[in-house]
């Protein structure tokens, strides 16, 4: 009877070890954090990461620096443009959407359909996104605009590029009020 209990205990311990090992391998493959409770030198119990998360492969955005140009020197009209915008999804995912926002205002929305990358040439936006140049400061520059390029993919992950671009300033000419 005693040998029977020993063999049952060994089988139970072996089953427990196999199931913990299998669970750990599944968790590592899925990219989950695995924490174990350990005692440090002073007897305090702490959690320690046994296997760190696998960094999810999220979208990658390639966007060269934007330019802000003023086609007519005396007008308060500038255009912000990029030479191209490119988004690539992580492995086995698809690009769902890409948006361009300037100063918190949505300026462009592109959606993908079962594609792993998306390239938008700068010519697609025509002259660019129209903005006010702003008054010329001491450095000769005008208003600075913040932009966000945001991409989402089919796994629910997203990526964003942030930045700012400064436009050339405009001289404001005051003409005296003349009576005839």
Protein backbone atom coordinates (compact mmCIF):
# COMPACT_ATOMS: atom_id res chain seq x y z
CA UNK A 1 0.00 0.00 0.00
CA UNK A 2 2.87 2.32 0.87
CA UNK A 3 4.51 1.83 -2.58
CA UNK A 4 1.21 2.56 -4.24
CA UNK A 5 0.98 6.00 -2.56
CA UNK A 6 4.59 6.77 -3.48
CA UNK A 7 4.01 5.97 -7.14
CA UNK A 8 0.80 8.03 -7.13
CA UNK A 9 2.67 10.97 -5.56
CA UNK A 10 5.42 10.70 -8.18
CA UNK A 11 2.87 10.59 -10.99
CA UNK A 12 1.05 13.64 -9.56
CA UNK A 13 4.33 15.56 -9.19
CA UNK A 14 5.38 14.64 -12.73
CA UNK A 15 1.98 15.69 -14.12
CA UNK A 16 2.23 19.01 -12.26
CA UNK A 17 5.74 19.66 -13.63
CA UNK A 18 4.70 18.82 -17.18
CA UNK A 19 1.62 21.06 -17.02
CA UNK A 20 3.60 24.00 -15.54
CA UNK A 21 6.29 23.60 -18.20
CA UNK A 22 3.70 23.40 -20.99
CA UNK A 23 1.90 26.48 -19.62
CA UNK A 24 5.19 28.38 -19.45
CA UNK A 25 6.04 27.50 -23.05
CA UNK A 26 2.58 28.53 -24.26
CA UNK A 27 2.83 31.81 -22.33
CA UNK A 28 6.27 32.56 -23.76
CA UNK A 29 5.05 31.83 -27.28
CA UNK A 30 2.11 34.17 -26.75
CA UNK A 31 4.37 36.91 -25.37
CA UNK A 32 2.85 37.03 -21.87
CA UNK A 33 4.75 38.05 -18.76
CA UNK A 34 5.56 35.17 -16.48
CA UNK A 35 6.23 36.12 -12.89
CA UNK A 36 7.54 33.96 -10.08
CA UNK A 37 7.48 34.78 -6.38
CA UNK A 38 11.00 34.69 -4.95
CA UNK A 39 12.55 35.49 -1.58
CA UNK A 40 15.36 38.03 -1.54
CA UNK A 41 18.29 38.07 0.91
CA UNK A 42 16.27 39.81 3.60
CA UNK A 43 13.33 37.43 3.48
CA UNK A 44 10.99 39.77 1.61
CA UNK A 45 8.86 38.14 -1.05
CA UNK A 46 8.88 39.79 -4.47
CA UNK A 47 7.77 39.04 -7.97
CA UNK A 48 10.48 38.47 -10.51
CA UNK A 49 9.97 38.24 -14.25
CA UNK A 50 11.06 34.85 -15.38
CA UNK A 51 10.42 35.47 -19.05
CA UNK A 52 9.88 39.00 -20.32
CA UNK A 53 7.23 39.82 -22.87
CA UNK A 54 8.02 39.45 -26.49
CA UNK A 55 7.72 42.94 -27.93
CA UNK A 56 4.76 42.96 -30.29
CA UNK A 57 5.67 43.86 -33.84
CA UNK A 58 3.56 46.97 -34.34
CA UNK A 59 3.24 49.24 -37.30
CA UNK A 60 6.28 51.12 -38.50
CA UNK A 61 5.84 54.62 -39.90
CA UNK A 62 8.41 56.14 -42.24
CA UNK A 63 7.85 59.84 -42.70
CA UNK A 64 10.63 62.20 -43.72
CA UNK A 65 10.59 65.65 -42.18
CA UNK A 66 7.72 67.80 -43.46
CA UNK A 67 8.25 71.13 -45.12
CA UNK A 68 6.15 74.26 -44.88
CA UNK A 69 6.39 76.55 -47.86
CA UNK A 70 4.78 79.83 -48.88
CA UNK A 71 3.98 79.98 -52.62
CA UNK A 72 3.14 83.69 -52.59
CA UNK A 73 5.48 85.75 -50.43
CA UNK A 74 2.98 88.41 -49.39
CA UNK A 75 0.05 86.06 -48.68
CA UNK A 76 -0.66 84.45 -45.32
CA UNK A 77 -1.13 81.04 -46.94
CA UNK A 78 1.37 78.23 -46.43
CA UNK A 79 1.29 74.52 -47.26
CA UNK A 80 2.65 71.64 -45.17
CA UNK A 81 3.74 68.65 -47.20
CA UNK A 82 5.78 65.44 -46.99
CA UNK A 83 7.65 63.84 -49.86
CA UNK A 84 5.97 60.54 -48.92
CA UNK A 85 4.39 58.70 -45.99
CA UNK A 86 4.86 54.96 -45.57
CA UNK A 87 3.36 52.52 -43.06
CA UNK A 88 4.31 48.86 -42.65
CA UNK A 89 2.44 46.39 -40.45
CA UNK A 90 4.06 43.83 -38.20
CA UNK A 91 4.40 40.22 -39.29
CA UNK A 92 1.13 38.46 -40.15
CA UNK A 93 -0.87 41.70 -39.70
CA UNK A 94 -2.47 44.17 -42.06
CA UNK A 95 -2.54 47.97 -42.12
CA UNK A 96 -6.03 49.09 -41.11
CA UNK A 97 -5.66 52.87 -41.28
CA UNK A 98 -3.30 55.81 -41.31
CA UNK A 99 -4.28 59.34 -40.30
CA UNK A 100 -2.53 62.72 -40.54
CA UNK A 101 -3.48 65.38 -37.98
CA UNK A 102 -2.13 68.93 -37.87
CA UNK A 103 -2.68 70.90 -34.66
CA UNK A 104 -5.22 68.35 -33.46
CA UNK A 105 -7.31 68.58 -36.62
CA UNK A 106 -7.68 65.48 -38.80
CA UNK A 107 -6.40 66.35 -42.28
CA UNK A 108 -6.13 62.95 -44.03
CA UNK A 109 -7.48 59.43 -43.47
CA UNK A 110 -6.31 56.41 -45.44
CA UNK A 111 -7.63 52.90 -44.94
CA UNK A 112 -6.06 49.64 -46.02
CA UNK A 113 -7.63 46.38 -47.12
CA UNK A 114 -5.53 43.25 -46.55
CA UNK A 115 -2.25 45.01 -47.28
CA UNK A 116 0.92 44.77 -45.23
CA UNK A 117 2.22 48.20 -46.18
CA UNK A 118 0.89 51.51 -47.45
CA UNK A 119 2.82 54.21 -49.32
CA UNK A 120 1.28 57.62 -49.91
CA UNK A 121 3.30 59.84 -52.28
CA UNK A 122 3.40 63.54 -51.45
CA UNK A 123 1.83 64.39 -54.82
CA UNK A 124 -1.37 62.74 -53.65
CA UNK A 125 -2.02 65.71 -51.34
CA UNK A 126 -1.69 68.25 -54.16
CA UNK A 127 0.16 71.35 -52.93
CA UNK A 128 -0.10 70.09 -49.35
CA UNK A 129 -2.22 70.91 -46.31
CA UNK A 130 -3.17 74.59 -46.25
CA UNK A 131 -2.37 76.50 -43.06
CA UNK A 132 -1.86 80.13 -42.05
CA UNK A 133 1.80 81.19 -42.13
CA UNK A 134 1.59 83.53 -39.14
CA UNK A 135 3.33 86.79 -38.41
CA UNK A 136 7.08 86.97 -38.89
CA UNK A 137 9.04 86.90 -35.62
CA UNK A 138 12.58 88.17 -34.97
CA UNK A 139 14.03 85.03 -36.57
CA UNK A 140 11.92 85.52 -39.68
CA UNK A 141 9.76 82.49 -38.99
CA UNK A 142 6.01 82.25 -38.57
CA UNK A 143 3.71 79.83 -36.80
CA UNK A 144 4.79 76.35 -35.68
CA UNK A 145 2.38 73.47 -36.23
CA UNK A 146 2.36 70.11 -34.42
CA UNK A 147 1.56 67.03 -36.47
CA UNK A 148 0.71 63.41 -35.65
CA UNK A 149 0.84 60.53 -38.10
CA UNK A 150 -1.06 57.61 -36.56
CA UNK A 151 -1.29 54.06 -37.94
CA UNK A 152 -3.38 51.10 -36.77
CA UNK A 153 -3.08 47.47 -37.76
CA UNK A 154 -5.32 44.41 -37.66
CA UNK A 155 -3.91 43.15 -34.33
CA UNK A 156 -5.18 46.28 -32.60
CA UNK A 157 -1.67 47.67 -32.11
CA UNK A 158 -0.85 51.18 -33.28
CA UNK A 159 2.11 53.47 -33.81
CA UNK A 160 2.46 57.21 -34.14
CA UNK A 161 5.02 59.76 -35.30
CA UNK A 162 4.94 63.17 -33.66
CA UNK A 163 6.70 66.33 -34.65
CA UNK A 164 6.41 69.96 -35.53
CA UNK A 165 7.09 72.13 -38.53
CA UNK A 166 7.63 75.89 -38.64
CA UNK A 167 6.32 77.97 -41.50
CA UNK A 168 7.91 81.11 -42.94
CA UNK A 169 6.50 84.32 -41.50
CA UNK A 170 4.63 87.10 -43.25
CA UNK A 171 5.37 90.81 -42.92
CA UNK A 172 2.27 92.65 -41.86
CA UNK A 173 2.16 96.01 -43.65
CA UNK A 174 0.00 98.70 -42.14
CA UNK A 175 -1.14 101.33 -44.58
CA UNK A 176 -2.07 104.66 -43.05
CA UNK A 177 -5.65 105.65 -43.37
CA UNK A 178 -5.66 108.48 -45.91
CA UNK A 179 -8.65 110.67 -46.56
CA UNK A 180 -9.28 112.16 -49.93
